[in-house]
Amino acid sequence: MKAFSSGWIDELQRVHGREAFAWCISLPLFRSPTVSLSVALTPHPEPLTVSGVTFYPWPCAMSDVEENGDARLPEFTLALANVGRMLMPYVLPADPKTGPIGRGAIFRVVRVADASVQWNFTFTVQGIEATREAVNFRLGVDNLFEAEFPLESYSAKLCQFPFGKPGEGCPYVVNAAAAYRSCPGTYAACSARGDDMRTRNLGDVLPEGWGGCPGLEA
């Protein structure tokens, strides 16, 4: 959990605060292999520059974070004014893979008098609904329990097979005459164990049977 300054929390909870804070929002709209487009906006009435990026005023409103007791992760809604339907080509793209859904949005709380003082939060665009008046972005955090993970892991530089178990992929024979009792899994180590197999007249099976995946990114 992110640690907040106790002074900042006290200031936000104060009925009449001494300092003004504002939200600065970086919202993804479009991404392709060659183009990445996002908007930098703020509900503050004047532009704010944060870390070299200027956030321009845009009519918007955020809902309260939804609390629940059924193990669902919290979500909230960001509503942006849709005057002239300017946002429609981006929120309803011809190719859904280029749109905002599934991409990260960065929310910053900044001190208006000194925008270098900021607190950053990242959320994922979970869904979008559009009307004539507004575009509603449903935001939340990724749920790892819903993510799809491969059943097996692969490495570009390491063998995936258990050493010395022919039935599970590694053909190296471990017996009294074997020169090795373990293997670090590298291609060079597999080659050395292949030489030992040939010395023992057990066939030319290594390193051809090495279980690494050199085609993967390291």
Protein backbone atom coordinates (compact mmCIF):
# COMPACT_ATOMS: atom_id res chain seq x y z
CA MET A 1 0.00 0.00 0.00
CA LYS A 2 1.29 3.46 -0.87
CA ALA A 3 2.35 5.50 2.14
CA PHE A 4 0.82 8.99 2.25
CA SER A 5 2.13 12.02 4.05
CA SER A 6 0.13 12.53 7.25
CA GLY A 7 0.20 16.28 6.59
CA TRP A 8 -1.36 15.76 3.15
CA ILE A 9 -4.11 13.54 4.56
CA ASP A 10 -4.90 16.11 7.25
CA GLU A 11 -5.08 18.83 4.61
CA LEU A 12 -7.49 16.89 2.40
CA GLN A 13 -9.73 16.14 5.36
CA ARG A 14 -9.73 19.72 6.58
CA VAL A 15 -13.07 21.47 5.98
CA HIS A 16 -11.32 24.69 4.96
CA GLY A 17 -7.90 23.69 3.68
CA ARG A 18 -4.98 26.08 3.55
CA GLU A 19 -3.73 24.79 0.16
CA ALA A 20 -5.39 23.90 -3.16
CA PHE A 21 -4.95 20.46 -4.71
CA ALA A 22 -6.04 19.27 -8.14
CA TRP A 23 -6.34 16.08 -10.16
CA CYS A 24 -4.19 15.75 -13.29
CA ILE A 25 -5.23 12.80 -15.46
CA SER A 26 -3.32 11.06 -18.28
CA LEU A 27 -5.88 9.01 -20.17
CA PRO A 28 -5.00 6.64 -23.06
CA LEU A 29 -7.15 6.97 -26.19
CA PHE A 30 -5.39 5.17 -29.04
CA ARG A 31 -2.39 2.93 -29.57
CA SER A 32 -1.05 1.18 -32.65
CA PRO A 33 2.40 -0.20 -33.52
CA THR A 34 3.40 3.28 -34.75
CA VAL A 35 1.16 5.77 -32.88
CA SER A 36 0.33 6.29 -29.22
CA LEU A 37 -2.22 8.96 -28.25
CA SER A 38 -3.35 10.05 -24.81
CA VAL A 39 -4.98 13.15 -23.35
CA ALA A 40 -3.73 15.20 -20.41
CA LEU A 41 -6.63 16.87 -18.65
CA THR A 42 -7.66 18.32 -15.33
CA PRO A 43 -10.91 19.50 -13.74
CA HIS A 44 -8.97 22.51 -12.47
CA PRO A 45 -10.12 25.74 -14.19
CA GLU A 46 -6.60 26.63 -15.36
CA PRO A 47 -3.87 24.60 -17.16
CA LEU A 48 -1.34 22.89 -14.90
CA THR A 49 2.14 21.78 -15.94
CA VAL A 50 3.44 18.66 -14.21
CA SER A 51 6.81 17.08 -15.07
CA GLY A 52 6.89 18.92 -18.37
CA VAL A 53 3.35 17.89 -19.41
CA THR A 54 0.58 20.49 -19.57
CA PHE A 55 -2.83 19.32 -18.35
CA TYR A 56 -5.67 21.33 -19.87
CA PRO A 57 -9.07 22.02 -18.28
CA TRP A 58 -11.83 19.65 -19.36
CA PRO A 59 -15.27 19.21 -17.81
CA CYS A 60 -15.10 15.91 -15.94
CA ALA A 61 -16.23 14.26 -12.74
CA MET A 62 -15.15 11.21 -10.75
CA SER A 63 -17.46 8.95 -8.80
CA ASP A 64 -16.70 7.62 -5.35
CA VAL A 65 -14.71 4.41 -5.14
CA GLU A 66 -17.17 1.54 -4.89
CA GLU A 67 -16.78 -0.47 -1.72
CA ASN A 68 -18.08 -4.01 -1.50
CA GLY A 69 -17.89 -7.07 0.67
CA ASP A 70 -17.92 -9.77 -1.96
CA ALA A 71 -14.19 -9.81 -2.81
CA ARG A 72 -14.56 -7.69 -5.95
CA LEU A 73 -11.79 -5.17 -6.51
CA PRO A 74 -12.79 -1.49 -6.15
CA GLU A 75 -13.80 0.51 -9.22
CA PHE A 76 -14.83 4.07 -9.98
CA THR A 77 -16.06 6.05 -12.98
CA LEU A 78 -14.52 9.04 -14.73
CA ALA A 79 -17.07 11.01 -16.76
CA LEU A 80 -15.77 13.32 -19.51
CA ALA A 81 -17.92 15.87 -21.32
CA ASN A 82 -18.62 14.66 -24.85
CA VAL A 83 -19.65 17.93 -26.48
CA GLY A 84 -19.63 17.54 -30.25
CA ARG A 85 -18.89 13.82 -29.74
CA MET A 86 -15.18 14.58 -30.05
CA LEU A 87 -14.17 11.43 -28.19
CA MET A 88 -16.30 8.92 -30.12
CA PRO A 89 -13.69 7.91 -32.76
CA TYR A 90 -11.32 6.93 -29.95
CA VAL A 91 -13.61 5.23 -27.45
CA LEU A 92 -15.38 3.21 -30.19
CA PRO A 93 -12.53 2.41 -32.61
CA ALA A 94 -12.94 0.15 -35.63
CA ASP A 95 -10.26 -2.12 -34.14
CA PRO A 96 -10.88 -2.66 -30.38
CA LYS A 97 -7.20 -3.56 -29.90
CA THR A 98 -6.25 0.09 -30.53
CA GLY A 99 -8.71 1.56 -28.03
CA PRO A 100 -8.39 2.53 -24.36
CA ILE A 101 -9.82 -0.64 -22.77
CA GLY A 102 -7.14 -2.59 -20.95
CA ARG A 103 -4.67 0.29 -20.92
CA GLY A 104 -3.34 2.18 -17.92
CA ALA A 105 -4.48 5.64 -16.87
CA ILE A 106 -2.38 7.75 -14.49
CA PHE A 107 -4.10 9.97 -11.93
CA ARG A 108 -1.99 12.57 -10.14
CA VAL A 109 -2.92 14.63 -7.11
CA VAL A 110 -0.82 17.79 -7.32
CA ARG A 111 -0.43 20.89 -5.21
CA VAL A 112 -1.57 23.80 -7.35
CA ALA A 113 1.00 26.18 -5.86
CA ASP A 114 3.83 23.70 -6.54
CA ALA A 115 2.97 20.98 -9.07
CA SER A 116 6.25 19.18 -8.36
CA VAL A 117 4.56 17.94 -5.18
CA GLN A 118 2.42 15.08 -6.44
CA TRP A 119 1.03 11.63 -5.66
CA ASN A 120 0.53 9.18 -8.53
CA PHE A 121 -2.03 6.39 -8.91
CA THR A 122 -2.37 4.00 -11.85
CA PHE A 123 -5.65 2.38 -12.87
CA THR A 124 -6.73 0.22 -15.80
CA VAL A 125 -9.58 1.16 -18.13
CA GLN A 126 -12.06 -1.68 -17.56
CA GLY A 127 -14.90 -0.46 -19.76
CA ILE A 128 -16.44 2.53 -21.54
CA GLU A 129 -19.98 3.82 -21.96
CA ALA A 130 -20.88 6.82 -24.12
CA THR A 131 -23.91 9.12 -24.29
CA ARG A 132 -24.56 12.41 -26.01
CA GLU A 133 -23.48 14.29 -22.91
CA ALA A 134 -20.56 12.29 -21.55
CA VAL A 135 -18.15 9.40 -21.99
CA ASN A 136 -17.85 7.28 -18.86
CA PHE A 137 -14.58 5.43 -18.28
CA ARG A 138 -14.86 2.60 -15.76
CA LEU A 139 -11.49 2.28 -14.01
CA GLY A 140 -10.09 -0.23 -11.60
CA VAL A 141 -7.05 -2.36 -10.87
CA ASP A 142 -5.98 -5.59 -12.55
CA ASN A 143 -7.26 -8.78 -10.95
CA LEU A 144 -4.49 -11.37 -11.09
CA PHE A 145 -7.01 -14.13 -10.39
CA GLU A 146 -8.59 -13.41 -13.79
CA ALA A 147 -5.29 -13.26 -15.68
CA GLU A 148 -4.35 -16.13 -17.96
CA PHE A 149 -0.93 -17.59 -17.23
CA PRO A 150 0.78 -20.35 -19.22
CA LEU A 151 0.68 -23.78 -17.62
CA GLU A 152 4.42 -24.17 -18.22
CA SER A 153 7.30 -21.69 -18.13
CA TYR A 154 9.95 -21.45 -20.82
CA SER A 155 13.37 -19.81 -20.95
CA ALA A 156 15.61 -18.81 -23.83
CA LYS A 157 18.79 -19.81 -21.99
CA LEU A 158 17.79 -22.60 -19.59
CA CYS A 159 16.49 -26.10 -20.15
CA GLN A 160 12.99 -26.77 -18.84
CA PHE A 161 13.40 -30.54 -18.34
CA PRO A 162 14.22 -32.19 -14.98
CA PHE A 163 17.82 -33.42 -15.14
CA GLY A 164 18.42 -37.11 -15.67
CA LYS A 165 14.76 -38.09 -16.13
CA PRO A 166 14.28 -39.48 -19.65
CA GLY A 167 10.56 -39.93 -19.12
CA GLU A 168 10.20 -36.18 -18.47
CA GLY A 169 12.31 -34.88 -21.35
CA CYS A 170 16.00 -35.13 -20.35
CA PRO A 171 17.66 -38.20 -21.93
CA TYR A 172 20.83 -38.05 -19.83
CA VAL A 173 21.39 -41.38 -18.07
CA VAL A 174 22.54 -41.10 -14.46
CA ASN A 175 24.23 -44.30 -13.29
CA ALA A 176 27.45 -45.34 -11.56
CA ALA A 177 29.50 -44.44 -14.65
CA ALA A 178 27.92 -41.02 -15.15
CA ALA A 179 30.29 -38.07 -14.92
CA TYR A 180 27.55 -35.67 -13.75
CA ARG A 181 24.97 -35.73 -10.99
CA SER A 182 23.35 -32.37 -11.74
CA CYS A 183 23.02 -29.77 -14.50
CA PRO A 184 22.65 -25.96 -14.48
CA GLY A 185 20.45 -26.18 -17.58
CA THR A 186 22.58 -24.16 -20.01
CA TYR A 187 23.31 -25.24 -23.58
CA ALA A 188 27.04 -25.53 -22.85
CA ALA A 189 26.35 -27.80 -19.87
CA CYS A 190 24.04 -29.92 -22.02
CA SER A 191 26.79 -30.27 -24.64
CA ALA A 192 29.24 -31.49 -21.99
CA ARG A 193 26.73 -34.07 -20.79
CA GLY A 194 26.18 -35.12 -24.39
CA ASP A 195 29.92 -35.78 -24.71
CA ASP A 196 29.71 -37.94 -21.59
CA MET A 197 26.79 -39.88 -23.07
CA ARG A 198 28.78 -40.58 -26.25
CA THR A 199 31.79 -41.68 -24.18
CA ARG A 200 29.55 -44.23 -22.50
CA ASN A 201 28.11 -45.34 -25.86
CA LEU A 202 24.62 -44.19 -24.89
CA GLY A 203 23.80 -42.41 -28.11
CA ASP A 204 24.11 -39.01 -29.72
CA VAL A 205 21.06 -37.35 -28.12
CA LEU A 206 22.52 -34.25 -26.45
CA PRO A 207 22.60 -31.32 -26.91
CA GLU A 208 19.98 -31.97 -29.61
CA GLY A 209 17.49 -32.73 -26.85
CA TRP A 210 18.23 -29.53 -24.90
CA GLY A 211 15.01 -28.10 -23.50
CA GLY A 212 15.70 -24.36 -23.86
CA CYS A 213 13.82 -22.06 -26.25
CA PRO A 214 16.43 -19.87 -27.98
CA GLY A 215 13.74 -18.23 -30.12
CA LEU A 216 12.25 -16.49 -27.07
CA GLU A 217 13.34 -13.07 -25.87
CA ALA A 218 15.79 -13.47 -23.03
